[in-house]
C-alpha atoms as a PDB file:
ATOM      1  CA  UNK A   1      12.726   9.319  -3.515  1.00  0.00           C
ATOM      2  CA  UNK A   2      13.819  10.464  -0.252  1.00  0.00           C
ATOM      3  CA  UNK A   3      12.974   8.584   3.102  1.00  0.00           C
ATOM      4  CA  UNK A   4      11.052  11.338   4.455  1.00  0.00           C
ATOM      5  CA  UNK A   5       8.622  10.818   1.109  1.00  0.00           C
ATOM      6  CA  UNK A   6       8.596   6.579   1.711  1.00  0.00           C
ATOM      7  CA  UNK A   7       7.889   7.020   5.378  1.00  0.00           C
ATOM      8  CA  UNK A   8       5.009   9.644   4.929  1.00  0.00           C
ATOM      9  CA  UNK A   9       3.479   7.572   2.059  1.00  0.00           C
ATOM     10  CA  UNK A  10       4.168   4.438   3.845  1.00  0.00           C
ATOM     11  CA  UNK A  11       2.160   5.490   6.885  1.00  0.00           C
ATOM     12  CA  UNK A  12      -0.836   7.101   4.928  1.00  0.00           C
ATOM     13  CA  UNK A  13      -0.874   3.937   2.846  1.00  0.00           C
ATOM     14  CA  UNK A  14      -0.817   1.374   5.852  1.00  0.00           C
ATOM     15  CA  UNK A  15      -3.576   3.522   7.692  1.00  0.00           C
ATOM     16  CA  UNK A  16      -5.962   2.516   4.998  1.00  0.00           C
ATOM     17  CA  UNK A  17      -4.368  -0.905   4.120  1.00  0.00           C
ATOM     18  CA  UNK A  18      -4.372  -1.650   8.021  1.00  0.00           C
ATOM     19  CA  UNK A  19      -7.918  -0.472   8.516  1.00  0.00           C
ATOM     20  CA  UNK A  20      -9.292  -2.347   5.461  1.00  0.00           C
ATOM     21  CA  UNK A  21      -7.719  -5.668   6.459  1.00  0.00           C
ATOM     22  CA  UNK A  22      -8.820  -5.276  10.150  1.00  0.00           C
ATOM     23  CA  UNK A  23     -12.419  -4.405   9.072  1.00  0.00           C
ATOM     24  CA  UNK A  24     -13.034  -7.024   6.635  1.00  0.00           C
ATOM     25  CA  UNK A  25     -10.903  -9.951   7.669  1.00  0.00           C
ATOM     26  CA  UNK A  26     -13.314 -10.946  10.182  1.00  0.00           C
ATOM     27  CA  UNK A  27     -16.138 -10.147   7.689  1.00  0.00           C
ATOM     28  CA  UNK A  28     -14.707 -12.719   5.189  1.00  0.00           C
ATOM     29  CA  UNK A  29     -14.179 -15.351   8.058  1.00  0.00           C
ATOM     30  CA  UNK A  30     -17.758 -14.977   8.917  1.00  0.00           C
ATOM     31  CA  UNK A  31     -16.740 -13.661  12.088  1.00  0.00           C
ATOM     32  CA  UNK A  32     -17.949 -10.405  14.024  1.00  0.00           C
ATOM     33  CA  UNK A  33     -16.160  -7.099  13.773  1.00  0.00           C
ATOM     34  CA  UNK A  34     -14.622  -6.618  17.373  1.00  0.00           C
ATOM     35  CA  UNK A  35     -13.749  -2.693  17.727  1.00  0.00           C
ATOM     36  CA  UNK A  36     -10.832  -3.241  20.139  1.00  0.00           C
ATOM     37  CA  UNK A  37      -9.433  -5.947  17.244  1.00  0.00           C
ATOM     38  CA  UNK A  38     -10.090  -3.046  14.606  1.00  0.00           C
ATOM     39  CA  UNK A  39      -8.271  -0.720  16.495  1.00  0.00           C
ATOM     40  CA  UNK A  40      -5.152  -3.052  17.628  1.00  0.00           C
ATOM     41  CA  UNK A  41      -4.954  -4.150  13.919  1.00  0.00           C
ATOM     42  CA  UNK A  42      -5.145  -0.610  12.177  1.00  0.00           C
ATOM     43  CA  UNK A  43      -2.507   0.747  14.934  1.00  0.00           C
ATOM     44  CA  UNK A  44      -0.306  -2.396  14.659  1.00  0.00           C
ATOM     45  CA  UNK A  45      -0.757  -3.056  10.536  1.00  0.00           C
ATOM     46  CA  UNK A  46       0.094   0.978  10.520  1.00  0.00           C
ATOM     47  CA  UNK A  47       3.322   0.467  12.400  1.00  0.00           C
ATOM     48  CA  UNK A  48       4.357  -2.405  10.173  1.00  0.00           C
ATOM     49  CA  UNK A  49       3.646  -0.918   7.055  1.00  0.00           C
ATOM     50  CA  UNK A  50       5.231   2.494   7.547  1.00  0.00           C
ATOM     51  CA  UNK A  51       8.478   0.314   8.445  1.00  0.00           C
ATOM     52  CA  UNK A  52       8.199  -2.006   5.479  1.00  0.00           C
ATOM     53  CA  UNK A  53       7.728   1.170   3.026  1.00  0.00           C
ATOM     54  CA  UNK A  54      10.219   3.183   4.740  1.00  0.00           C
ATOM     55  CA  UNK A  55      12.874   0.211   4.700  1.00  0.00           C
ATOM     56  CA  UNK A  56      12.108  -1.448   1.387  1.00  0.00           C
ATOM     57  CA  UNK A  57      11.728   0.357  -2.195  1.00  0.00           C
ATOM     58  CA  UNK A  58       8.136  -0.788  -2.608  1.00  0.00           C
ATOM     59  CA  UNK A  59       7.116   2.620  -4.437  1.00  0.00           C
ATOM     60  CA  UNK A  60      10.224   2.602  -6.963  1.00  0.00           C
ATOM     61  CA  UNK A  61       9.582  -1.414  -7.708  1.00  0.00           C
ATOM     62  CA  UNK A  62       5.748  -1.008  -8.251  1.00  0.00           C
ATOM     63  CA  UNK A  63       6.673   2.131 -10.721  1.00  0.00           C
ATOM     64  CA  UNK A  64       9.287  -0.067 -12.565  1.00  0.00           C
ATOM     65  CA  UNK A  65       6.967  -3.132 -12.663  1.00  0.00           C
ATOM     66  CA  UNK A  66       4.173  -1.110 -14.048  1.00  0.00           C
ATOM     67  CA  UNK A  67       6.566   0.258 -17.115  1.00  0.00           C
ATOM     68  CA  UNK A  68       7.753  -3.440 -17.342  1.00  0.00           C
ATOM     69  CA  UNK A  69       4.200  -4.456 -18.267  1.00  0.00           C
ATOM     70  CA  UNK A  70       4.152  -1.985 -21.170  1.00  0.00           C
ATOM     71  CA  UNK A  71       2.346   1.028 -19.348  1.00  0.00           C
ATOM     72  CA  UNK A  72       3.466   4.750 -19.859  1.00  0.00           C
ATOM     73  CA  UNK A  73       4.538   6.252 -16.936  1.00  0.00           C
ATOM     74  CA  UNK A  74       1.656   8.632 -15.552  1.00  0.00           C
ATOM     75  CA  UNK A  75      -0.877   6.910 -17.701  1.00  0.00           C
ATOM     76  CA  UNK A  76      -4.272   5.475 -16.357  1.00  0.00           C
ATOM     77  CA  UNK A  77      -2.856   1.890 -16.847  1.00  0.00           C
ATOM     78  CA  UNK A  78       0.555   2.906 -15.241  1.00  0.00           C
ATOM     79  CA  UNK A  79      -1.020   3.860 -11.944  1.00  0.00           C
ATOM     80  CA  UNK A  80      -3.502   0.597 -11.786  1.00  0.00           C
ATOM     81  CA  UNK A  81      -0.363  -1.608 -12.661  1.00  0.00           C
ATOM     82  CA  UNK A  82       1.968  -0.127 -10.257  1.00  0.00           C
ATOM     83  CA  UNK A  83      -0.801  -0.310  -7.396  1.00  0.00           C
ATOM     84  CA  UNK A  84      -0.845  -4.244  -8.253  1.00  0.00           C
ATOM     85  CA  UNK A  85       2.612  -4.758  -6.826  1.00  0.00           C
ATOM     86  CA  UNK A  86       1.965  -1.834  -4.078  1.00  0.00           C
ATOM     87  CA  UNK A  87      -0.830  -3.915  -2.827  1.00  0.00           C
ATOM     88  CA  UNK A  88       0.393  -7.314  -3.247  1.00  0.00           C
ATOM     89  CA  UNK A  89       3.558  -6.831  -1.371  1.00  0.00           C
ATOM     90  CA  UNK A  90       1.786  -4.714   1.553  1.00  0.00           C
ATOM     91  CA  UNK A  91      -1.026  -7.386   1.695  1.00  0.00           C
ATOM     92  CA  UNK A  92       1.296 -10.287   2.128  1.00  0.00           C
ATOM     93  CA  UNK A  93       3.302  -8.653   4.961  1.00  0.00           C
ATOM     94  CA  UNK A  94       0.526  -6.940   6.932  1.00  0.00           C
ATOM     95  CA  UNK A  95      -1.790  -9.977   6.500  1.00  0.00           C
ATOM     96  CA  UNK A  96       1.029 -12.469   7.376  1.00  0.00           C
ATOM     97  CA  UNK A  97       2.034 -10.304  10.630  1.00  0.00           C
ATOM     98  CA  UNK A  98      -1.784  -9.402  11.910  1.00  0.00           C
ATOM     99  CA  UNK A  99      -2.740 -13.173  11.386  1.00  0.00           C
ATOM    100  CA  UNK A 100       0.201 -14.022  13.559  1.00  0.00           C
ATOM    101  CA  UNK A 101      -0.445 -11.504  16.004  1.00  0.00           C
ATOM    102  CA  UNK A 102      -4.473 -12.183  16.320  1.00  0.00           C
ATOM    103  CA  UNK A 103      -4.565 -16.023  15.715  1.00  0.00           C
ATOM    104  CA  UNK A 104      -0.895 -17.225  16.759  1.00  0.00           C
ATOM    105  CA  UNK A 105       1.426 -19.592  14.242  1.00  0.00           C
ATOM    106  CA  UNK A 106       0.221 -23.310  14.437  1.00  0.00           C
ATOM    107  CA  UNK A 107      -0.244 -26.044  12.035  1.00  0.00           C
ATOM    108  CA  UNK A 108      -3.238 -24.077  10.527  1.00  0.00           C
ATOM    109  CA  UNK A 109      -2.225 -21.046  10.194  1.00  0.00           C
ATOM    110  CA  UNK A 110      -1.123 -20.863   6.822  1.00  0.00           C
ATOM    111  CA  UNK A 111      -4.277 -22.233   5.740  1.00  0.00           C
ATOM    112  CA  UNK A 112      -5.915 -19.229   7.750  1.00  0.00           C
ATOM    113  CA  UNK A 113      -3.578 -16.803   6.115  1.00  0.00           C
ATOM    114  CA  UNK A 114      -4.033 -17.734   2.512  1.00  0.00           C
ATOM    115  CA  UNK A 115      -7.671 -19.036   2.254  1.00  0.00           C
ATOM    116  CA  UNK A 116      -9.347 -15.616   2.523  1.00  0.00           C
ATOM    117  CA  UNK A 117      -6.543 -14.049   0.530  1.00  0.00           C
ATOM    118  CA  UNK A 118      -7.861 -13.647  -2.899  1.00  0.00           C
ATOM    119  CA  UNK A 119     -11.053 -11.789  -1.661  1.00  0.00           C
ATOM    120  CA  UNK A 120      -9.109  -9.773   0.848  1.00  0.00           C
ATOM    121  CA  UNK A 121      -6.588  -8.771  -2.036  1.00  0.00           C
ATOM    122  CA  UNK A 122      -9.394  -7.633  -4.313  1.00  0.00           C
ATOM    123  CA  UNK A 123     -10.832  -5.282  -1.374  1.00  0.00           C
ATOM    124  CA  UNK A 124      -7.420  -3.988  -0.488  1.00  0.00           C
ATOM    125  CA  UNK A 125      -6.515  -3.500  -4.127  1.00  0.00           C
ATOM    126  CA  UNK A 126      -9.997  -1.276  -4.541  1.00  0.00           C
ATOM    127  CA  UNK A 127      -9.199   0.768  -1.411  1.00  0.00           C
ATOM    128  CA  UNK A 128      -5.625   1.208  -2.594  1.00  0.00           C
ATOM    129  CA  UNK A 129      -6.535   2.366  -5.975  1.00  0.00           C
ATOM    130  CA  UNK A 130      -8.914   5.004  -4.744  1.00  0.00           C
ATOM    131  CA  UNK A 131      -6.484   6.233  -1.727  1.00  0.00           C
ATOM    132  CA  UNK A 132      -3.468   6.013  -3.445  1.00  0.00           C
ATOM    133  CA  UNK A 133      -3.606   9.586  -5.082  1.00  0.00           C
ATOM    134  CA  UNK A 134      -4.626  11.064  -2.054  1.00  0.00           C
ATOM    135  CA  UNK A 135      -1.974   9.598  -0.229  1.00  0.00           C
ATOM    136  CA  UNK A 136       0.757  10.556  -2.746  1.00  0.00           C
ATOM    137  CA  UNK A 137      -0.540  14.207  -2.762  1.00  0.00           C
ATOM    138  CA  UNK A 138      -0.068  14.409   0.948  1.00  0.00           C
ATOM    139  CA  UNK A 139       3.015  12.725   1.355  1.00  0.00           C
ATOM    140  CA  UNK A 140       4.349  15.656  -1.423  1.00  0.00           C
ATOM    141  CA  UNK A 141       2.686  18.397   0.765  1.00  0.00           C
ATOM    142  CA  UNK A 142       3.830  16.852   3.968  1.00  0.00           C
ATOM    143  CA  UNK A 143       7.709  16.398   2.638  1.00  0.00           C
ATOM    144  CA  UNK A 144       7.419  19.535   0.122  1.00  0.00           C
ATOM    145  CA  UNK A 145       8.378  17.019  -2.529  1.00  0.00           C
ATOM    146  CA  UNK A 146       7.417  17.489  -6.117  1.00  0.00           C
ATOM    147  CA  UNK A 147       6.923  14.351  -8.017  1.00  0.00           C
ATOM    148  CA  UNK A 148       6.713  14.500 -11.516  1.00  0.00           C
ATOM    149  CA  UNK A 149       5.386  11.602 -13.955  1.00  0.00           C
ATOM    150  CA  UNK A 150       6.206  11.223 -17.683  1.00  0.00           C
ATOM    151  CA  UNK A 151       8.691  13.155 -19.697  1.00  0.00           C
ATOM    152  CA  UNK A 152      10.614  15.399 -17.840  1.00  0.00           C
ATOM    153  CA  UNK A 153       9.304  19.141 -18.344  1.00  0.00           C
ATOM    154  CA  UNK A 154      12.090  21.598 -20.027  1.00  0.00           C
ATOM    155  CA  UNK A 155      14.157  23.747 -18.047  1.00  0.00           C
ATOM    156  CA  UNK A 156      13.149  27.405 -17.407  1.00  0.00           C
ATOM    157  CA  UNK A 157      16.085  28.991 -18.694  1.00  0.00           C
ATOM    158  CA  UNK A 158      15.568  26.826 -22.176  1.00  0.00           C
ATOM    159  CA  UNK A 159      11.875  28.098 -22.757  1.00  0.00           C
ATOM    160  CA  UNK A 160      13.156  31.825 -23.365  1.00  0.00           C
ATOM    161  CA  UNK A 161      15.345  30.712 -26.369  1.00  0.00           C
END
C-alpha cells in the first residue's frame, strides 16, 4: 500500500471522523455546538488524522485484524471488523488530541476524554462503516491504485491456455 494511498485515505477518513467528533462531542457533553469549534475541530482533526494514517500502518493492521478474527478477506464481516480497529485507533488518537486542544490537560482531563468514549466511538464507527467504501474508492481513483480483496485473479496470459 503506497504512501500516496495512505495519505489520500487518511485525509478522506479523517475529514469524516474529525467532523463527526467535533459535531457530537459537545452534544454528548450537553453543550451547544459552536460553528467555530466545529470548523477548528474538523480542520485540526483532519490534519492529525492524515498524518497518523500516513505514518502508521493503520489500514494494513486493520485488514490483518479482521482476518485474525476469522473473517474471509473481502466479506461483509471482514469490512465490518477491519473498521473496528481502524475506528478505534483513529478515535483514540483524534479524541485525545482534540480534547487536549479544546479543554487543555489538567487533573480532570482523562475523565473528560474517556467519559463520552463509548457513545462517541459507536457514532464514529457507524460513520466509518458508511464512508469507508467511498473513501477507499476515491483514494484508489486519486492515486490510480487498484486494490483487490480476496484471492488474486489469474494472470491474463494464463486464461488463454
